[in-house]
Amino acid sequence: MPWTLNDYPSSMKNLNKATKKKAIDIANSMTDEGYDEGRAIPIAIEQAKEWRENASKSEVEEYEKSGKPTERSEEGKKYENNPERLEEAQHVVAHEKGWAVKSSNAKKASKVYDKKQDAINRAKEIADNKGTSLKVFKKDGSLQKEA
């Protein structure tokens, strides 16, 4: 069931509007990708809160103005059904603004950190939640370690 700003899990009721909207987007995406709702909701709330803490004021304002949470297509899915994405490793890679955390085949990083260790810690947490591996790369793009 896709959630909206008018119909969302009760555990999101005390979130401010921008954080709630982000949590709804994340939770909808996760369930589209095959996550169980009971598992997707707390992860989405945690990630939305982290996004809100780290987002600039202009990012939050732009996100709030962008309208409703991302709508799903007629088939009820925002993305193609690709459960293999759940099996992808988490990567820590050099980024122009520091160190990025991303899924192995993702085009865009989920988050960029100033410190490599912070990126490793977050990637490890995501990999543990997904039950996948972690790959850490050096600045030159070569593999540093795999866990």
C-alpha atoms as a PDB file:
ATOM      1  CA  MET A   1       0.000   0.000   0.000  1.00  0.00           C
ATOM      2  CA  PRO A   2       1.564   3.318  -0.982  1.00  0.00           C
ATOM      3  CA  TRP A   3       1.616   5.858   1.813  1.00  0.00           C
ATOM      4  CA  THR A   4       0.806   9.536   1.382  1.00  0.00           C
ATOM      5  CA  LEU A   5       0.888  12.628   3.597  1.00  0.00           C
ATOM      6  CA  ASN A   6      -2.758  11.891   4.410  1.00  0.00           C
ATOM      7  CA  ASP A   7      -2.349   8.167   4.985  1.00  0.00           C
ATOM      8  CA  TYR A   8       0.893   7.037   6.613  1.00  0.00           C
ATOM      9  CA  PRO A   9       2.038   4.731   9.430  1.00  0.00           C
ATOM     10  CA  SER A  10       1.201   6.005  12.910  1.00  0.00           C
ATOM     11  CA  SER A  11       4.887   5.811  13.859  1.00  0.00           C
ATOM     12  CA  MET A  12       5.468   8.783  11.529  1.00  0.00           C
ATOM     13  CA  LYS A  13       2.844  11.056  13.099  1.00  0.00           C
ATOM     14  CA  ASN A  14       5.281  13.055  15.260  1.00  0.00           C
ATOM     15  CA  LEU A  15       7.739  13.802  12.454  1.00  0.00           C
ATOM     16  CA  ASN A  16       7.812  17.311  11.019  1.00  0.00           C
ATOM     17  CA  LYS A  17       6.400  17.682   7.503  1.00  0.00           C
ATOM     18  CA  ALA A  18       9.670  17.478   5.532  1.00  0.00           C
ATOM     19  CA  THR A  19      10.969  14.517   7.542  1.00  0.00           C
ATOM     20  CA  LYS A  20       7.614  12.735   7.302  1.00  0.00           C
ATOM     21  CA  LYS A  21       7.507  13.261   3.537  1.00  0.00           C
ATOM     22  CA  LYS A  22      11.058  11.912   3.191  1.00  0.00           C
ATOM     23  CA  ALA A  23      10.229   8.903   5.393  1.00  0.00           C
ATOM     24  CA  ILE A  24       7.146   8.172   3.257  1.00  0.00           C
ATOM     25  CA  ASP A  25       9.227   8.343   0.066  1.00  0.00           C
ATOM     26  CA  ILE A  26      11.868   6.028   1.505  1.00  0.00           C
ATOM     27  CA  ALA A  27       9.343   3.552   2.919  1.00  0.00           C
ATOM     28  CA  ASN A  28       7.391   3.446  -0.361  1.00  0.00           C
ATOM     29  CA  SER A  29      10.602   2.821  -2.293  1.00  0.00           C
ATOM     30  CA  MET A  30      11.706   0.096   0.089  1.00  0.00           C
ATOM     31  CA  THR A  31       8.398  -1.765  -0.114  1.00  0.00           C
ATOM     32  CA  ASP A  32       8.545  -1.441  -3.913  1.00  0.00           C
ATOM     33  CA  GLU A  33      11.927  -3.143  -3.764  1.00  0.00           C
ATOM     34  CA  GLY A  34      10.564  -6.039  -1.725  1.00  0.00           C
ATOM     35  CA  TYR A  35      11.108  -5.020   1.889  1.00  0.00           C
ATOM     36  CA  ASP A  36       8.462  -6.059   4.394  1.00  0.00           C
ATOM     37  CA  GLU A  37       6.489  -3.024   5.650  1.00  0.00           C
ATOM     38  CA  GLY A  38       7.392  -3.803   9.265  1.00  0.00           C
ATOM     39  CA  ARG A  39      11.071  -3.633   8.396  1.00  0.00           C
ATOM     40  CA  ALA A  40      10.852  -0.729   5.917  1.00  0.00           C
ATOM     41  CA  ILE A  41       9.074   1.731   8.213  1.00  0.00           C
ATOM     42  CA  PRO A  42      11.660   1.991  11.031  1.00  0.00           C
ATOM     43  CA  ILE A  43      14.540   2.080   8.537  1.00  0.00           C
ATOM     44  CA  ALA A  44      12.792   4.818   6.542  1.00  0.00           C
ATOM     45  CA  ILE A  45      12.146   6.893   9.661  1.00  0.00           C
ATOM     46  CA  GLU A  46      15.767   6.587  10.783  1.00  0.00           C
ATOM     47  CA  GLN A  47      17.112   7.518   7.345  1.00  0.00           C
ATOM     48  CA  ALA A  48      14.678  10.437   7.009  1.00  0.00           C
ATOM     49  CA  LYS A  49      15.739  11.812  10.384  1.00  0.00           C
ATOM     50  CA  GLU A  50      19.396  11.500   9.381  1.00  0.00           C
ATOM     51  CA  TRP A  51      18.660  13.262   6.078  1.00  0.00           C
ATOM     52  CA  ARG A  52      16.908  16.106   7.933  1.00  0.00           C
ATOM     53  CA  GLU A  53      19.815  16.546  10.355  1.00  0.00           C
ATOM     54  CA  ASN A  54      22.322  16.773   7.519  1.00  0.00           C
ATOM     55  CA  ALA A  55      20.319  18.646   4.882  1.00  0.00           C
ATOM     56  CA  SER A  56      20.853  22.350   4.355  1.00  0.00           C
ATOM     57  CA  LYS A  57      17.977  24.734   4.955  1.00  0.00           C
ATOM     58  CA  SER A  58      17.624  25.307   1.210  1.00  0.00           C
ATOM     59  CA  GLU A  59      17.516  21.539   0.519  1.00  0.00           C
ATOM     60  CA  VAL A  60      14.717  21.113   3.055  1.00  0.00           C
ATOM     61  CA  GLU A  61      12.767  24.075   1.680  1.00  0.00           C
ATOM     62  CA  GLU A  62      13.132  22.802  -1.898  1.00  0.00           C
ATOM     63  CA  TYR A  63      12.048  19.308  -0.856  1.00  0.00           C
ATOM     64  CA  GLU A  64       8.998  20.641   1.026  1.00  0.00           C
ATOM     65  CA  LYS A  65       7.930  22.625  -2.061  1.00  0.00           C
ATOM     66  CA  SER A  66       8.307  19.641  -4.403  1.00  0.00           C
ATOM     67  CA  GLY A  67       4.753  18.477  -3.746  1.00  0.00           C
ATOM     68  CA  LYS A  68       3.427  15.127  -2.646  1.00  0.00           C
ATOM     69  CA  PRO A  69       5.634  12.153  -1.858  1.00  0.00           C
ATOM     70  CA  THR A  70       6.714  10.343  -4.998  1.00  0.00           C
ATOM     71  CA  GLU A  71       3.724   8.671  -6.602  1.00  0.00           C
ATOM     72  CA  ARG A  72       3.793   5.067  -7.777  1.00  0.00           C
ATOM     73  CA  SER A  73       2.805   4.045 -11.278  1.00  0.00           C
ATOM     74  CA  GLU A  74      -0.441   2.318 -12.145  1.00  0.00           C
ATOM     75  CA  GLU A  75       1.157  -1.040 -11.455  1.00  0.00           C
ATOM     76  CA  GLY A  76       1.738   0.086  -7.870  1.00  0.00           C
ATOM     77  CA  LYS A  77       5.494   0.263  -8.266  1.00  0.00           C
ATOM     78  CA  LYS A  78       7.763   3.248  -8.505  1.00  0.00           C
ATOM     79  CA  TYR A  79      10.587   1.133  -9.930  1.00  0.00           C
ATOM     80  CA  GLU A  80      10.857  -1.932 -12.087  1.00  0.00           C
ATOM     81  CA  ASN A  81      10.662  -5.113 -10.033  1.00  0.00           C
ATOM     82  CA  ASN A  82      14.336  -5.839  -9.482  1.00  0.00           C
ATOM     83  CA  PRO A  83      14.856  -7.779  -6.266  1.00  0.00           C
ATOM     84  CA  GLU A  84      18.499  -8.223  -7.230  1.00  0.00           C
ATOM     85  CA  ARG A  85      19.055  -4.638  -5.973  1.00  0.00           C
ATOM     86  CA  LEU A  86      18.512  -5.973  -2.462  1.00  0.00           C
ATOM     87  CA  GLU A  87      21.526  -8.235  -2.997  1.00  0.00           C
ATOM     88  CA  GLU A  88      23.898  -5.457  -4.078  1.00  0.00           C
ATOM     89  CA  ALA A  89      26.929  -4.697  -1.961  1.00  0.00           C
ATOM     90  CA  GLN A  90      27.391  -1.318  -0.342  1.00  0.00           C
ATOM     91  CA  HIS A  91      30.337   0.649  -1.680  1.00  0.00           C
ATOM     92  CA  VAL A  92      32.409   3.401  -0.108  1.00  0.00           C
ATOM     93  CA  VAL A  93      34.006   5.411  -2.908  1.00  0.00           C
ATOM     94  CA  ALA A  94      35.908   8.668  -3.287  1.00  0.00           C
ATOM     95  CA  HIS A  95      33.672  11.620  -4.140  1.00  0.00           C
ATOM     96  CA  GLU A  96      34.456  15.226  -5.034  1.00  0.00           C
ATOM     97  CA  LYS A  97      33.015  16.266  -1.656  1.00  0.00           C
ATOM     98  CA  GLY A  98      34.521  13.458   0.446  1.00  0.00           C
ATOM     99  CA  TRP A  99      33.480   9.795   0.643  1.00  0.00           C
ATOM    100  CA  ALA A 100      30.247   8.451  -0.819  1.00  0.00           C
ATOM    101  CA  VAL A 101      28.083   5.520   0.262  1.00  0.00           C
ATOM    102  CA  LYS A 102      26.163   3.825  -2.544  1.00  0.00           C
ATOM    103  CA  SER A 103      24.817   0.483  -3.703  1.00  0.00           C
ATOM    104  CA  SER A 104      27.124  -1.288  -6.136  1.00  0.00           C
ATOM    105  CA  ASN A 105      25.059  -0.468  -9.259  1.00  0.00           C
ATOM    106  CA  ALA A 106      23.551   2.821  -8.086  1.00  0.00           C
ATOM    107  CA  LYS A 107      24.140   5.900 -10.221  1.00  0.00           C
ATOM    108  CA  LYS A 108      23.904   8.268  -7.256  1.00  0.00           C
ATOM    109  CA  ALA A 109      25.330   8.081  -3.758  1.00  0.00           C
ATOM    110  CA  SER A 110      22.881   7.747  -0.888  1.00  0.00           C
ATOM    111  CA  LYS A 111      25.075  10.050   1.217  1.00  0.00           C
ATOM    112  CA  VAL A 112      28.457  11.772   1.119  1.00  0.00           C
ATOM    113  CA  TYR A 113      30.647  12.130   4.209  1.00  0.00           C
ATOM    114  CA  ASP A 114      33.670  14.304   4.918  1.00  0.00           C
ATOM    115  CA  LYS A 115      35.481  11.465   6.677  1.00  0.00           C
ATOM    116  CA  LYS A 116      36.037   8.048   5.137  1.00  0.00           C
ATOM    117  CA  GLN A 117      35.456   6.273   8.457  1.00  0.00           C
ATOM    118  CA  ASP A 118      32.020   7.885   8.795  1.00  0.00           C
ATOM    119  CA  ALA A 119      31.130   6.605   5.312  1.00  0.00           C
ATOM    120  CA  ILE A 120      32.424   3.128   6.183  1.00  0.00           C
ATOM    121  CA  ASN A 121      30.371   3.049   9.386  1.00  0.00           C
ATOM    122  CA  ARG A 122      27.166   4.007   7.539  1.00  0.00           C
ATOM    123  CA  ALA A 123      27.799   1.597   4.652  1.00  0.00           C
ATOM    124  CA  LYS A 124      28.416  -1.218   7.144  1.00  0.00           C
ATOM    125  CA  GLU A 125      25.113  -0.419   8.881  1.00  0.00           C
ATOM    126  CA  ILE A 126      23.219  -0.499   5.567  1.00  0.00           C
ATOM    127  CA  ALA A 127      24.959  -3.704   4.453  1.00  0.00           C
ATOM    128  CA  ASP A 128      24.139  -5.336   7.797  1.00  0.00           C
ATOM    129  CA  ASN A 129      20.474  -4.305   7.466  1.00  0.00           C
ATOM    130  CA  LYS A 130      20.303  -5.682   3.915  1.00  0.00           C
ATOM    131  CA  GLY A 131      22.417  -8.737   4.663  1.00  0.00           C
ATOM    132  CA  THR A 132      24.913  -7.859   1.924  1.00  0.00           C
ATOM    133  CA  SER A 133      28.639  -7.178   1.740  1.00  0.00           C
ATOM    134  CA  LEU A 134      30.691  -4.013   2.031  1.00  0.00           C
ATOM    135  CA  LYS A 135      33.395  -2.909  -0.389  1.00  0.00           C
ATOM    136  CA  VAL A 136      35.704  -0.025   0.487  1.00  0.00           C
ATOM    137  CA  PHE A 137      37.689   1.596  -2.302  1.00  0.00           C
ATOM    138  CA  LYS A 138      40.805   3.784  -2.276  1.00  0.00           C
ATOM    139  CA  LYS A 139      40.855   7.254  -3.825  1.00  0.00           C
ATOM    140  CA  ASP A 140      42.378   5.774  -6.988  1.00  0.00           C
ATOM    141  CA  GLY A 141      39.373   3.449  -7.369  1.00  0.00           C
ATOM    142  CA  SER A 142      41.147   0.239  -6.438  1.00  0.00           C
ATOM    143  CA  LEU A 143      39.594  -2.091  -3.880  1.00  0.00           C
ATOM    144  CA  GLN A 144      40.923  -1.495  -0.354  1.00  0.00           C
ATOM    145  CA  LYS A 145      38.921  -4.152   1.510  1.00  0.00           C
ATOM    146  CA  GLU A 146      35.826  -6.299   1.282  1.00  0.00           C
ATOM    147  CA  ALA A 147      33.777  -7.455   4.250  1.00  0.00           C
END
